[in-house]
């Protein structure tokens, strides 16, 4: 393989992986190679952020994506209270009063993280579980919206 073939592969305007960088390069009037390299660097430095940014740009740049965005936002909002079910029993039982459930968990979230960090250690586990739940339900909601849109377009 010669140098021109390799450069031509990375600078092609067609889709390589969902077509995000090529679509973004057309909108920004930038070189697709620079955008691809920046996405790779972003992903390698901040692993979940680069992947989430890539899928977020895909959702933003695709046409007829109102259902995808709507269901993705709905999943994001539902992921916050539903993160309660990803927490350990220690967190579920703490919330002001014993067994107060999701509302006590949301109401006393910051206090719960501080106390968990003080007595058990690593309160970031709770925040990570919240983040994981939000990301999971956002992707699930966006996938449902994508499926509905694709089924309607057939």
C-alpha atoms as a PDB file:
ATOM      1  CA  UNK A   1       0.000   0.000   0.000  1.00  0.00           C
ATOM      2  CA  UNK A   2       1.423   3.346  -0.937  1.00  0.00           C
ATOM      3  CA  UNK A   3       1.182   6.612   0.937  1.00  0.00           C
ATOM      4  CA  UNK A   4      -1.520   8.131  -1.334  1.00  0.00           C
ATOM      5  CA  UNK A   5      -3.856   5.172  -0.764  1.00  0.00           C
ATOM      6  CA  UNK A   6      -3.531   5.478   3.016  1.00  0.00           C
ATOM      7  CA  UNK A   7      -4.091   9.250   2.978  1.00  0.00           C
ATOM      8  CA  UNK A   8      -7.024   8.786   0.595  1.00  0.00           C
ATOM      9  CA  UNK A   9      -8.612   6.266   2.950  1.00  0.00           C
ATOM     10  CA  UNK A  10      -8.504   8.613   5.940  1.00  0.00           C
ATOM     11  CA  UNK A  11      -9.622  11.683   4.007  1.00  0.00           C
ATOM     12  CA  UNK A  12     -12.549  10.135   2.155  1.00  0.00           C
ATOM     13  CA  UNK A  13     -15.840  11.916   2.550  1.00  0.00           C
ATOM     14  CA  UNK A  14     -17.951   8.744   2.733  1.00  0.00           C
ATOM     15  CA  UNK A  15     -18.920   7.011   5.955  1.00  0.00           C
ATOM     16  CA  UNK A  16     -16.279   5.021   7.719  1.00  0.00           C
ATOM     17  CA  UNK A  17     -17.926   4.657  11.127  1.00  0.00           C
ATOM     18  CA  UNK A  18     -21.392   6.259  11.235  1.00  0.00           C
ATOM     19  CA  UNK A  19     -20.097   9.153   9.107  1.00  0.00           C
ATOM     20  CA  UNK A  20     -19.768  11.609  11.997  1.00  0.00           C
ATOM     21  CA  UNK A  21     -16.434  13.175  11.084  1.00  0.00           C
ATOM     22  CA  UNK A  22     -17.282  13.464   7.381  1.00  0.00           C
ATOM     23  CA  UNK A  23     -20.634  15.148   8.117  1.00  0.00           C
ATOM     24  CA  UNK A  24     -19.032  17.429  10.695  1.00  0.00           C
ATOM     25  CA  UNK A  25     -16.230  18.344   8.283  1.00  0.00           C
ATOM     26  CA  UNK A  26     -18.796  19.381   5.679  1.00  0.00           C
ATOM     27  CA  UNK A  27     -20.674  21.531   8.200  1.00  0.00           C
ATOM     28  CA  UNK A  28     -17.533  23.146   9.633  1.00  0.00           C
ATOM     29  CA  UNK A  29     -15.662  23.261   6.314  1.00  0.00           C
ATOM     30  CA  UNK A  30     -12.742  21.478   7.944  1.00  0.00           C
ATOM     31  CA  UNK A  31     -10.525  18.602   6.881  1.00  0.00           C
ATOM     32  CA  UNK A  32     -12.001  15.223   7.928  1.00  0.00           C
ATOM     33  CA  UNK A  33      -8.566  13.859   8.880  1.00  0.00           C
ATOM     34  CA  UNK A  34      -8.112  16.574  11.517  1.00  0.00           C
ATOM     35  CA  UNK A  35     -11.530  15.800  12.992  1.00  0.00           C
ATOM     36  CA  UNK A  36     -10.848  12.065  13.025  1.00  0.00           C
ATOM     37  CA  UNK A  37      -7.515  12.568  14.785  1.00  0.00           C
ATOM     38  CA  UNK A  38      -9.094  14.916  17.339  1.00  0.00           C
ATOM     39  CA  UNK A  39     -11.867  12.383  18.060  1.00  0.00           C
ATOM     40  CA  UNK A  40      -9.282   9.631  18.522  1.00  0.00           C
ATOM     41  CA  UNK A  41      -7.203  11.798  20.871  1.00  0.00           C
ATOM     42  CA  UNK A  42     -10.333  12.827  22.828  1.00  0.00           C
ATOM     43  CA  UNK A  43     -11.326   9.186  23.153  1.00  0.00           C
ATOM     44  CA  UNK A  44      -7.868   8.065  24.274  1.00  0.00           C
ATOM     45  CA  UNK A  45      -7.523  10.831  26.857  1.00  0.00           C
ATOM     46  CA  UNK A  46     -11.077  10.734  28.201  1.00  0.00           C
ATOM     47  CA  UNK A  47     -12.329   7.270  27.238  1.00  0.00           C
ATOM     48  CA  UNK A  48     -16.042   7.565  28.042  1.00  0.00           C
ATOM     49  CA  UNK A  49     -16.219  11.228  26.998  1.00  0.00           C
ATOM     50  CA  UNK A  50     -14.882  10.616  23.499  1.00  0.00           C
ATOM     51  CA  UNK A  51     -17.272   7.744  22.849  1.00  0.00           C
ATOM     52  CA  UNK A  52     -20.233   9.682  24.232  1.00  0.00           C
ATOM     53  CA  UNK A  53     -19.289  12.751  22.200  1.00  0.00           C
ATOM     54  CA  UNK A  54     -19.076  10.627  19.052  1.00  0.00           C
ATOM     55  CA  UNK A  55     -22.534   9.099  19.558  1.00  0.00           C
ATOM     56  CA  UNK A  56     -23.926  12.471  20.618  1.00  0.00           C
ATOM     57  CA  UNK A  57     -22.630  14.040  17.416  1.00  0.00           C
ATOM     58  CA  UNK A  58     -24.103  11.154  15.430  1.00  0.00           C
ATOM     59  CA  UNK A  59     -27.530  11.760  16.959  1.00  0.00           C
ATOM     60  CA  UNK A  60     -27.200  15.513  16.437  1.00  0.00           C
ATOM     61  CA  UNK A  61     -26.039  15.287  12.819  1.00  0.00           C
ATOM     62  CA  UNK A  62     -28.487  12.706  11.490  1.00  0.00           C
ATOM     63  CA  UNK A  63     -31.614  13.866   9.718  1.00  0.00           C
ATOM     64  CA  UNK A  64     -35.101  13.100  11.090  1.00  0.00           C
ATOM     65  CA  UNK A  65     -33.763  12.533  14.569  1.00  0.00           C
ATOM     66  CA  UNK A  66     -36.477  14.163  16.661  1.00  0.00           C
ATOM     67  CA  UNK A  67     -37.647  10.870  18.137  1.00  0.00           C
ATOM     68  CA  UNK A  68     -34.066   9.782  18.820  1.00  0.00           C
ATOM     69  CA  UNK A  69     -33.285  12.997  20.696  1.00  0.00           C
ATOM     70  CA  UNK A  70     -36.629  12.984  22.522  1.00  0.00           C
ATOM     71  CA  UNK A  71     -36.288   9.402  23.710  1.00  0.00           C
ATOM     72  CA  UNK A  72     -32.612   9.964  24.532  1.00  0.00           C
ATOM     73  CA  UNK A  73     -33.482  12.948  26.743  1.00  0.00           C
ATOM     74  CA  UNK A  74     -36.304  10.985  28.334  1.00  0.00           C
ATOM     75  CA  UNK A  75     -33.864   8.172  29.084  1.00  0.00           C
ATOM     76  CA  UNK A  76     -31.420  10.720  30.527  1.00  0.00           C
ATOM     77  CA  UNK A  77     -34.077  12.098  32.864  1.00  0.00           C
ATOM     78  CA  UNK A  78     -35.278   8.654  33.890  1.00  0.00           C
ATOM     79  CA  UNK A  79     -31.716   7.493  34.484  1.00  0.00           C
ATOM     80  CA  UNK A  80     -31.308   9.815  37.469  1.00  0.00           C
ATOM     81  CA  UNK A  81     -34.000   8.329  39.728  1.00  0.00           C
ATOM     82  CA  UNK A  82     -33.516   4.826  38.332  1.00  0.00           C
ATOM     83  CA  UNK A  83     -29.864   4.921  39.397  1.00  0.00           C
ATOM     84  CA  UNK A  84     -31.224   4.131  42.868  1.00  0.00           C
ATOM     85  CA  UNK A  85     -31.636   0.515  41.765  1.00  0.00           C
ATOM     86  CA  UNK A  86     -27.951   0.269  40.787  1.00  0.00           C
ATOM     87  CA  UNK A  87     -26.774   1.277  44.266  1.00  0.00           C
ATOM     88  CA  UNK A  88     -25.777  -1.068  47.078  1.00  0.00           C
ATOM     89  CA  UNK A  89     -28.122  -1.932  49.947  1.00  0.00           C
ATOM     90  CA  UNK A  90     -26.239   0.460  52.233  1.00  0.00           C
ATOM     91  CA  UNK A  91     -27.206   3.368  50.008  1.00  0.00           C
ATOM     92  CA  UNK A  92     -30.762   2.123  49.466  1.00  0.00           C
ATOM     93  CA  UNK A  93     -31.390   1.893  53.215  1.00  0.00           C
ATOM     94  CA  UNK A  94     -29.930   5.316  53.904  1.00  0.00           C
ATOM     95  CA  UNK A  95     -31.962   8.317  52.878  1.00  0.00           C
ATOM     96  CA  UNK A  96     -33.025  10.218  55.926  1.00  0.00           C
ATOM     97  CA  UNK A  97     -35.392   7.592  57.236  1.00  0.00           C
ATOM     98  CA  UNK A  98     -34.967   3.882  56.800  1.00  0.00           C
ATOM     99  CA  UNK A  99     -36.497   2.574  53.601  1.00  0.00           C
ATOM    100  CA  UNK A 100     -37.487   5.969  52.203  1.00  0.00           C
ATOM    101  CA  UNK A 101     -36.771   4.727  48.675  1.00  0.00           C
ATOM    102  CA  UNK A 102     -36.024   6.717  45.565  1.00  0.00           C
ATOM    103  CA  UNK A 103     -37.268  10.053  46.912  1.00  0.00           C
ATOM    104  CA  UNK A 104     -35.076   9.868  50.010  1.00  0.00           C
ATOM    105  CA  UNK A 105     -32.156   8.855  47.826  1.00  0.00           C
ATOM    106  CA  UNK A 106     -32.620  11.869  45.548  1.00  0.00           C
ATOM    107  CA  UNK A 107     -33.367  14.274  48.393  1.00  0.00           C
ATOM    108  CA  UNK A 108     -30.275  13.338  50.413  1.00  0.00           C
ATOM    109  CA  UNK A 109     -27.916  12.445  47.557  1.00  0.00           C
ATOM    110  CA  UNK A 110     -25.070  14.793  48.490  1.00  0.00           C
ATOM    111  CA  UNK A 111     -25.298  13.963  52.180  1.00  0.00           C
ATOM    112  CA  UNK A 112     -25.338  10.264  51.328  1.00  0.00           C
ATOM    113  CA  UNK A 113     -22.198  10.564  49.203  1.00  0.00           C
ATOM    114  CA  UNK A 114     -20.395  12.494  51.960  1.00  0.00           C
ATOM    115  CA  UNK A 115     -21.349   9.996  54.676  1.00  0.00           C
ATOM    116  CA  UNK A 116     -20.535   7.008  52.514  1.00  0.00           C
ATOM    117  CA  UNK A 117     -17.140   8.541  51.754  1.00  0.00           C
ATOM    118  CA  UNK A 118     -16.527   9.229  55.438  1.00  0.00           C
ATOM    119  CA  UNK A 119     -17.526   5.839  56.839  1.00  0.00           C
ATOM    120  CA  UNK A 120     -17.027   3.344  54.030  1.00  0.00           C
ATOM    121  CA  UNK A 121     -14.710   5.192  51.663  1.00  0.00           C
ATOM    122  CA  UNK A 122     -14.763   6.031  47.980  1.00  0.00           C
ATOM    123  CA  UNK A 123     -18.011   7.961  47.697  1.00  0.00           C
ATOM    124  CA  UNK A 124     -17.305   8.317  43.991  1.00  0.00           C
ATOM    125  CA  UNK A 125     -18.781   4.826  43.571  1.00  0.00           C
ATOM    126  CA  UNK A 126     -22.227   6.319  44.127  1.00  0.00           C
ATOM    127  CA  UNK A 127     -21.593   9.105  41.617  1.00  0.00           C
ATOM    128  CA  UNK A 128     -20.206   6.605  39.104  1.00  0.00           C
ATOM    129  CA  UNK A 129     -23.311   4.420  39.457  1.00  0.00           C
ATOM    130  CA  UNK A 130     -25.473   7.505  38.854  1.00  0.00           C
ATOM    131  CA  UNK A 131     -23.412   8.404  35.770  1.00  0.00           C
ATOM    132  CA  UNK A 132     -23.549   4.823  34.486  1.00  0.00           C
ATOM    133  CA  UNK A 133     -27.317   4.704  34.907  1.00  0.00           C
ATOM    134  CA  UNK A 134     -27.808   8.018  33.107  1.00  0.00           C
ATOM    135  CA  UNK A 135     -25.593   6.934  30.188  1.00  0.00           C
ATOM    136  CA  UNK A 136     -27.241   3.508  29.970  1.00  0.00           C
ATOM    137  CA  UNK A 137     -30.786   4.869  29.914  1.00  0.00           C
ATOM    138  CA  UNK A 138     -29.851   7.667  27.495  1.00  0.00           C
ATOM    139  CA  UNK A 139     -28.410   5.161  25.025  1.00  0.00           C
ATOM    140  CA  UNK A 140     -31.400   2.865  25.540  1.00  0.00           C
ATOM    141  CA  UNK A 141     -33.841   5.733  24.941  1.00  0.00           C
ATOM    142  CA  UNK A 142     -31.960   6.879  21.845  1.00  0.00           C
ATOM    143  CA  UNK A 143     -31.932   3.306  20.499  1.00  0.00           C
ATOM    144  CA  UNK A 144     -35.697   3.042  21.005  1.00  0.00           C
ATOM    145  CA  UNK A 145     -36.207   6.375  19.228  1.00  0.00           C
ATOM    146  CA  UNK A 146     -33.925   5.261  16.400  1.00  0.00           C
ATOM    147  CA  UNK A 147     -35.844   1.998  16.015  1.00  0.00           C
ATOM    148  CA  UNK A 148     -39.193   3.825  15.943  1.00  0.00           C
ATOM    149  CA  UNK A 149     -37.925   6.323  13.354  1.00  0.00           C
ATOM    150  CA  UNK A 150     -36.451   3.572  11.195  1.00  0.00           C
ATOM    151  CA  UNK A 151     -39.670   1.551  11.361  1.00  0.00           C
ATOM    152  CA  UNK A 152     -41.776   4.581  10.366  1.00  0.00           C
ATOM    153  CA  UNK A 153     -39.506   5.380   7.389  1.00  0.00           C
ATOM    154  CA  UNK A 154     -39.938   1.889   5.866  1.00  0.00           C
END
